[in-house]
Amino acid sequence: MERLEDLEAFVAVVEQGGLTTAAHQLGRRVQSVSRSLASLEKNVGVELVERTTRRSVPSEAGLAFYLRVKPALEEIKEARLEAVDSRLEPSGLLRIGAPVLFAPVYLVPIVAEFMKRYPQVNVELKLSDRFVDFAEEELDLAVRIGHLPDSDLKARRLGELRRVTFGAPGYFARHGRPQHPADLKDHACILRTVDRNPGTWTFQVEGKRCSVQVSGPFRADTMTAIYSAVTHELGIGFSPLWQIRDLVEEGKVEVILTSYEPPPVPVHILWPPGRSPLAKTRIFKDYLLSRWQDMGLV
């Protein structure tokens, strides 16, 4: 059975490229790191690190072993910190980034509950729909909607959000209800002019992505104006379901073409790499995860 300190020594040697620098990072002696590495290789039964007088590099087997061991060690570290946090009262300023429309409706209520439960925590929300720089904005964590660009940030998937086509009952009574995405060509569709391709709506037909060209006499650059236009029966809209949930529940609009909805958009919570989150950050992250499904956003 491999000892945890032997695995930590192996990972440090691979990442630092040598025993001396690995020992310095771990706060151990070089001889101690060397013994840990030798003990691990003996237990595994294969050479994991090829050593020279100048540097140490992982063997082919060692690299494969590292890729499996590294995430496991991170999980163990997180588990240790969570165990410690269970005895601590989180405190201090927590800076959270989130989308502009999403945060006031869905994030702020969770933040309010969290602050009542942990009164020593202060929260500062920084709202933006762009993918912000954590260091520049001094964020502890952020909630982001959509597919993530490549980055070093750590991420945890919260869930998914549906995108739907919708219209007012009065509009459907006068113009009929589309039964297939292709039917939209015969309807007035309300476009958001700031979208990359405002005249193209995406659906899923028979398991395949399908783009439909749409048009209409009314356009707007904000979703608020689009929702108002739809309720005033100017045409059909396309939107994340969470943004029109109240209109649906009040009967002002009806969701259509549900069998052809595009794949839902993922939602993630992100935090910086390279260091273990403080208690306030980790506890809020876990609290948000536990409350997500209760918000009825999926």
Protein backbone atom coordinates (compact mmCIF):
# COMPACT_ATOMS: atom_id res chain seq x y z
CA MET A 1 0.00 0.00 0.00
CA GLU A 2 1.49 3.31 -1.10
CA ARG A 3 1.94 5.94 1.58
CA LEU A 4 0.47 9.37 0.96
CA GLU A 5 3.83 11.08 1.54
CA ASP A 6 5.41 8.84 -1.12
CA LEU A 7 2.74 9.82 -3.65
CA GLU A 8 3.18 13.50 -2.78
CA ALA A 9 6.94 13.18 -3.27
CA PHE A 10 6.46 11.53 -6.67
CA VAL A 11 4.09 14.24 -7.88
CA ALA A 12 6.44 16.98 -6.68
CA VAL A 13 9.43 15.41 -8.46
CA VAL A 14 7.49 15.17 -11.73
CA GLU A 15 6.24 18.75 -11.50
CA GLN A 16 9.52 20.27 -10.29
CA GLY A 17 11.79 18.23 -12.54
CA GLY A 18 14.21 17.22 -9.83
CA LEU A 19 14.59 15.87 -6.32
CA THR A 20 16.18 19.00 -4.87
CA THR A 21 13.47 21.39 -6.02
CA ALA A 22 10.78 18.88 -5.02
CA ALA A 23 12.30 18.59 -1.54
CA HIS A 24 12.34 22.38 -1.23
CA GLN A 25 8.68 22.60 -2.24
CA LEU A 26 7.66 19.91 0.24
CA GLY A 27 9.87 21.18 3.06
CA ARG A 28 11.65 17.84 3.27
CA ARG A 29 15.22 16.64 2.87
CA VAL A 30 16.42 15.42 -0.51
CA GLN A 31 17.27 12.02 1.00
CA SER A 32 13.72 11.74 2.34
CA VAL A 33 12.18 12.50 -1.06
CA SER A 34 14.55 10.01 -2.71
CA ARG A 35 13.54 7.28 -0.25
CA SER A 36 9.84 8.01 -0.84
CA LEU A 37 10.30 7.76 -4.60
CA ALA A 38 12.28 4.51 -4.32
CA SER A 39 9.67 3.03 -1.96
CA LEU A 40 6.85 3.93 -4.34
CA GLU A 41 8.62 2.43 -7.34
CA LYS A 42 9.26 -0.76 -5.36
CA ASN A 43 5.58 -1.06 -4.46
CA VAL A 44 4.39 -0.30 -8.00
CA GLY A 45 7.00 -2.58 -9.52
CA VAL A 46 8.14 -0.23 -12.30
CA GLU A 47 10.48 2.74 -12.70
CA LEU A 48 8.38 5.90 -12.51
CA VAL A 49 11.09 8.55 -12.79
CA GLU A 50 14.22 8.44 -14.93
CA ARG A 51 16.96 10.18 -12.92
CA THR A 52 20.08 11.90 -14.25
CA THR A 53 22.60 14.12 -12.52
CA ARG A 54 20.86 17.20 -13.90
CA ARG A 55 17.16 16.42 -13.82
CA SER A 56 14.48 13.82 -13.24
CA VAL A 57 11.75 13.10 -15.80
CA PRO A 58 8.82 10.68 -15.64
CA SER A 59 9.03 7.46 -17.60
CA GLU A 60 6.15 6.54 -19.89
CA ALA A 61 4.62 4.50 -17.08
CA GLY A 62 5.41 7.29 -14.64
CA LEU A 63 3.60 9.90 -16.70
CA ALA A 64 0.49 7.71 -16.94
CA PHE A 65 0.69 7.09 -13.19
CA TYR A 66 1.06 10.83 -12.50
CA LEU A 67 -2.05 11.68 -14.54
CA ARG A 68 -4.09 9.32 -12.38
CA VAL A 69 -2.50 10.17 -9.03
CA LYS A 70 -2.51 13.97 -9.27
CA PRO A 71 -6.33 14.40 -9.27
CA ALA A 72 -6.65 11.87 -6.46
CA LEU A 73 -4.22 13.84 -4.30
CA GLU A 74 -6.16 17.02 -5.03
CA GLU A 75 -9.34 15.31 -3.86
CA ILE A 76 -7.63 14.17 -0.67
CA LYS A 77 -6.36 17.69 -0.01
CA GLU A 78 -9.85 19.09 -0.56
CA ALA A 79 -11.33 16.48 1.78
CA ARG A 80 -8.84 17.39 4.50
CA LEU A 81 -9.62 21.09 4.18
CA GLU A 82 -13.36 20.45 4.21
CA ALA A 83 -12.95 18.44 7.41
CA VAL A 84 -11.08 21.35 8.96
CA ASP A 85 -13.66 23.83 7.67
CA SER A 86 -16.43 21.91 9.38
CA ARG A 87 -14.99 23.20 12.67
CA LEU A 88 -14.50 26.77 11.44
CA GLU A 89 -16.90 29.69 11.13
CA PRO A 90 -16.33 31.30 7.70
CA SER A 91 -15.61 35.02 7.76
CA GLY A 92 -14.30 37.88 5.66
CA LEU A 93 -15.17 39.38 2.28
CA LEU A 94 -16.36 36.98 -0.42
CA ARG A 95 -16.17 38.38 -3.97
CA ILE A 96 -18.48 36.63 -6.47
CA GLY A 97 -18.79 37.22 -10.20
CA ALA A 98 -22.03 36.38 -12.03
CA PRO A 99 -24.12 37.24 -15.14
CA VAL A 100 -26.04 40.51 -15.01
CA LEU A 101 -29.63 39.25 -15.34
CA PHE A 102 -29.12 35.91 -13.63
CA ALA A 103 -27.59 37.13 -10.36
CA PRO A 104 -30.35 39.38 -8.97
CA VAL A 105 -33.07 36.78 -9.56
CA TYR A 106 -31.36 33.53 -8.65
CA LEU A 107 -28.00 34.14 -6.97
CA VAL A 108 -28.86 36.96 -4.57
CA PRO A 109 -31.55 34.91 -2.73
CA ILE A 110 -28.99 32.16 -2.09
CA VAL A 111 -26.40 34.73 -0.99
CA ALA A 112 -28.95 36.22 1.42
CA GLU A 113 -29.63 32.81 2.98
CA PHE A 114 -25.89 32.15 3.24
CA MET A 115 -25.18 35.48 4.94
CA LYS A 116 -27.92 34.90 7.50
CA ARG A 117 -26.42 31.50 8.26
CA TYR A 118 -22.85 32.84 8.37
CA PRO A 119 -23.09 36.46 9.61
CA GLN A 120 -19.29 36.92 9.68
CA VAL A 121 -19.17 36.78 5.87
CA ASN A 122 -19.54 39.92 3.75
CA VAL A 123 -20.33 39.52 0.05
CA GLU A 124 -19.50 41.71 -2.94
CA LEU A 125 -21.17 40.83 -6.26
CA LYS A 126 -19.48 41.84 -9.51
CA LEU A 127 -21.91 41.44 -12.39
CA SER A 128 -20.79 40.99 -15.97
CA ASP A 129 -21.73 38.80 -18.92
CA ARG A 130 -18.14 38.62 -20.16
CA PHE A 131 -15.62 36.00 -19.09
CA VAL A 132 -13.77 38.07 -16.48
CA ASP A 133 -10.17 37.81 -15.33
CA PHE A 134 -10.13 36.48 -11.76
CA ALA A 135 -6.91 38.23 -10.79
CA GLU A 136 -7.94 41.55 -12.30
CA GLU A 137 -11.37 41.49 -10.65
CA GLU A 138 -10.04 39.92 -7.41
CA LEU A 139 -12.79 37.29 -7.46
CA ASP A 140 -12.99 34.32 -5.12
CA LEU A 141 -15.41 32.47 -7.39
CA ALA A 142 -17.81 33.07 -10.26
CA VAL A 143 -20.95 31.61 -11.79
CA ARG A 144 -20.89 31.39 -15.58
CA ILE A 145 -23.56 30.34 -18.09
CA GLY A 146 -22.43 28.71 -21.34
CA HIS A 147 -19.58 26.54 -22.53
CA LEU A 148 -16.30 27.43 -20.87
CA PRO A 149 -13.27 28.58 -22.86
CA ASP A 150 -10.00 26.78 -22.22
CA SER A 151 -8.41 28.07 -19.02
CA ASP A 152 -6.61 26.98 -15.87
CA LEU A 153 -9.61 27.77 -13.71
CA LYS A 154 -11.12 25.01 -11.61
CA ALA A 155 -14.78 24.34 -12.39
CA ARG A 156 -17.74 22.43 -11.03
CA ARG A 157 -20.84 21.91 -13.12
CA LEU A 158 -23.95 23.21 -11.41
CA GLY A 159 -26.51 22.09 -13.93
CA GLU A 160 -28.11 23.02 -17.25
CA LEU A 161 -30.53 25.65 -18.51
CA ARG A 162 -33.11 25.09 -21.25
CA ARG A 163 -33.48 27.40 -24.25
CA VAL A 164 -37.03 27.63 -25.54
CA THR A 165 -39.23 29.13 -28.24
CA PHE A 166 -42.29 30.99 -26.93
CA GLY A 167 -45.17 33.24 -27.88
CA ALA A 168 -48.32 34.87 -26.52
CA PRO A 169 -51.61 32.92 -26.61
CA GLY A 170 -53.21 35.77 -28.57
CA TYR A 171 -50.56 35.57 -31.29
CA PHE A 172 -51.07 31.81 -31.66
CA ALA A 173 -54.84 32.28 -31.79
CA ARG A 174 -54.46 34.62 -34.79
CA HIS A 175 -51.51 33.04 -36.63
CA GLY A 176 -51.48 29.40 -35.54
CA ARG A 177 -48.94 27.44 -33.56
CA PRO A 178 -45.72 26.22 -35.28
CA GLN A 179 -45.39 22.41 -35.12
CA HIS A 180 -41.86 22.19 -36.52
CA PRO A 181 -38.88 24.60 -36.56
CA ALA A 182 -39.26 24.91 -40.34
CA ASP A 183 -42.72 26.46 -39.77
CA LEU A 184 -41.07 29.55 -38.25
CA LYS A 185 -40.36 30.92 -41.74
CA ASP A 186 -44.08 31.71 -41.96
CA HIS A 187 -44.16 33.56 -38.62
CA ALA A 188 -42.99 36.89 -37.25
CA CYS A 189 -39.95 36.17 -35.09
CA ILE A 190 -38.48 38.76 -32.74
CA LEU A 191 -34.69 38.98 -33.04
CA ARG A 192 -32.08 40.25 -30.60
CA THR A 193 -29.83 42.48 -32.68
CA VAL A 194 -26.75 42.12 -30.45
CA ASP A 195 -26.54 38.34 -30.97
CA ARG A 196 -23.76 37.06 -33.21
CA ASN A 197 -26.28 35.63 -35.69
CA PRO A 198 -29.62 37.22 -34.79
CA GLY A 199 -31.46 35.74 -37.76
CA THR A 200 -30.43 32.16 -36.98
CA TRP A 201 -32.08 30.04 -34.30
CA THR A 202 -30.73 26.60 -33.43
CA PHE A 203 -32.83 23.49 -32.80
CA GLN A 204 -32.30 19.76 -32.56
CA VAL A 205 -34.13 17.68 -35.16
CA GLU A 206 -33.86 13.88 -35.08
CA GLY A 207 -30.81 14.14 -32.84
CA LYS A 208 -28.95 16.54 -35.13
CA ARG A 209 -28.24 20.26 -34.82
CA CYS A 210 -30.45 22.26 -37.17
CA SER A 211 -30.16 25.99 -37.91
CA VAL A 212 -33.31 27.82 -38.99
CA GLN A 213 -33.37 31.25 -40.61
CA VAL A 214 -35.98 33.50 -39.01
CA SER A 215 -37.13 37.08 -39.52
CA GLY A 216 -39.80 39.53 -38.45
CA PRO A 217 -40.81 43.21 -38.49
CA PHE A 218 -39.68 43.95 -34.92
CA ARG A 219 -36.16 43.72 -33.47
CA ALA A 220 -34.57 44.83 -30.20
CA ASP A 221 -31.17 44.86 -28.53
CA THR A 222 -32.32 43.81 -25.04
CA MET A 223 -34.16 40.75 -23.81
CA THR A 224 -36.45 42.92 -21.70
CA ALA A 225 -37.77 44.63 -24.83
CA ILE A 226 -38.15 41.27 -26.57
CA TYR A 227 -40.21 39.83 -23.71
CA SER A 228 -42.47 42.87 -23.80
CA ALA A 229 -42.86 42.57 -27.58
CA VAL A 230 -43.80 38.90 -27.31
CA THR A 231 -46.42 39.55 -24.61
CA HIS A 232 -47.86 42.31 -26.83
CA GLU A 233 -48.27 39.70 -29.57
CA LEU A 234 -45.72 41.13 -32.02
CA GLY A 235 -44.20 37.73 -32.69
CA ILE A 236 -42.36 34.66 -31.41
CA GLY A 237 -39.28 34.81 -29.21
CA PHE A 238 -36.32 32.56 -28.33
CA SER A 239 -34.83 32.70 -24.84
CA PRO A 240 -33.40 30.83 -21.87
CA LEU A 241 -36.36 29.40 -19.98
CA TRP A 242 -35.24 30.82 -16.65
CA GLN A 243 -35.61 34.36 -17.99
CA ILE A 244 -39.29 33.91 -18.92
CA ARG A 245 -40.37 31.50 -16.19
CA ASP A 246 -42.60 34.11 -14.53
CA LEU A 247 -44.29 34.93 -17.85
CA VAL A 248 -44.97 31.23 -18.44
CA GLU A 249 -46.37 30.70 -14.94
CA GLU A 250 -48.60 33.77 -15.31
CA GLY A 251 -49.94 32.46 -18.64
CA LYS A 252 -48.68 35.47 -20.59
CA VAL A 253 -46.60 33.29 -22.91
CA GLU A 254 -46.57 29.63 -23.92
CA VAL A 255 -43.53 27.49 -24.71
CA ILE A 256 -43.64 25.72 -28.08
CA LEU A 257 -41.50 23.28 -30.10
CA THR A 258 -40.35 21.52 -26.92
CA SER A 259 -39.50 18.36 -28.88
CA TYR A 260 -36.95 20.33 -30.89
CA GLU A 261 -35.18 22.28 -28.14
CA PRO A 262 -31.42 22.68 -28.64
CA PRO A 263 -29.12 21.05 -26.06
CA PRO A 264 -29.33 22.87 -22.72
CA VAL A 265 -26.62 25.36 -21.79
CA PRO A 266 -24.28 24.30 -18.96
CA VAL A 267 -23.80 26.39 -15.83
CA HIS A 268 -20.57 26.22 -13.84
CA ILE A 269 -19.09 27.63 -10.70
CA LEU A 270 -15.44 28.59 -11.15
CA TRP A 271 -12.57 29.40 -8.81
CA PRO A 272 -8.85 30.11 -9.25
CA PRO A 273 -6.28 27.29 -9.55
CA GLY A 274 -3.05 26.86 -7.67
CA ARG A 275 -4.32 27.29 -4.15
CA SER A 276 -6.92 25.72 -1.94
CA PRO A 277 -9.99 27.96 -1.49
CA LEU A 278 -10.49 29.58 1.88
CA ALA A 279 -13.26 28.36 4.16
CA LYS A 280 -15.67 31.13 3.10
CA THR A 281 -15.24 30.23 -0.58
CA ARG A 282 -15.45 26.48 -0.20
CA ILE A 283 -18.44 26.56 2.12
CA PHE A 284 -20.36 28.94 -0.16
CA LYS A 285 -19.54 26.77 -3.18
CA ASP A 286 -20.96 23.72 -1.42
CA TYR A 287 -24.00 25.70 -0.26
CA LEU A 288 -24.70 26.90 -3.80
CA LEU A 289 -24.43 23.36 -5.13
CA SER A 290 -26.89 22.10 -2.53
CA ARG A 291 -29.40 24.87 -3.27
CA TRP A 292 -29.21 24.77 -7.07
CA GLN A 293 -31.89 22.18 -7.69
CA ASP A 294 -34.22 23.83 -5.21
CA MET A 295 -34.26 26.94 -7.43
CA GLY A 296 -35.97 25.00 -10.24
CA LEU A 297 -33.67 26.19 -12.99
CA VAL A 298 -33.01 22.91 -14.83
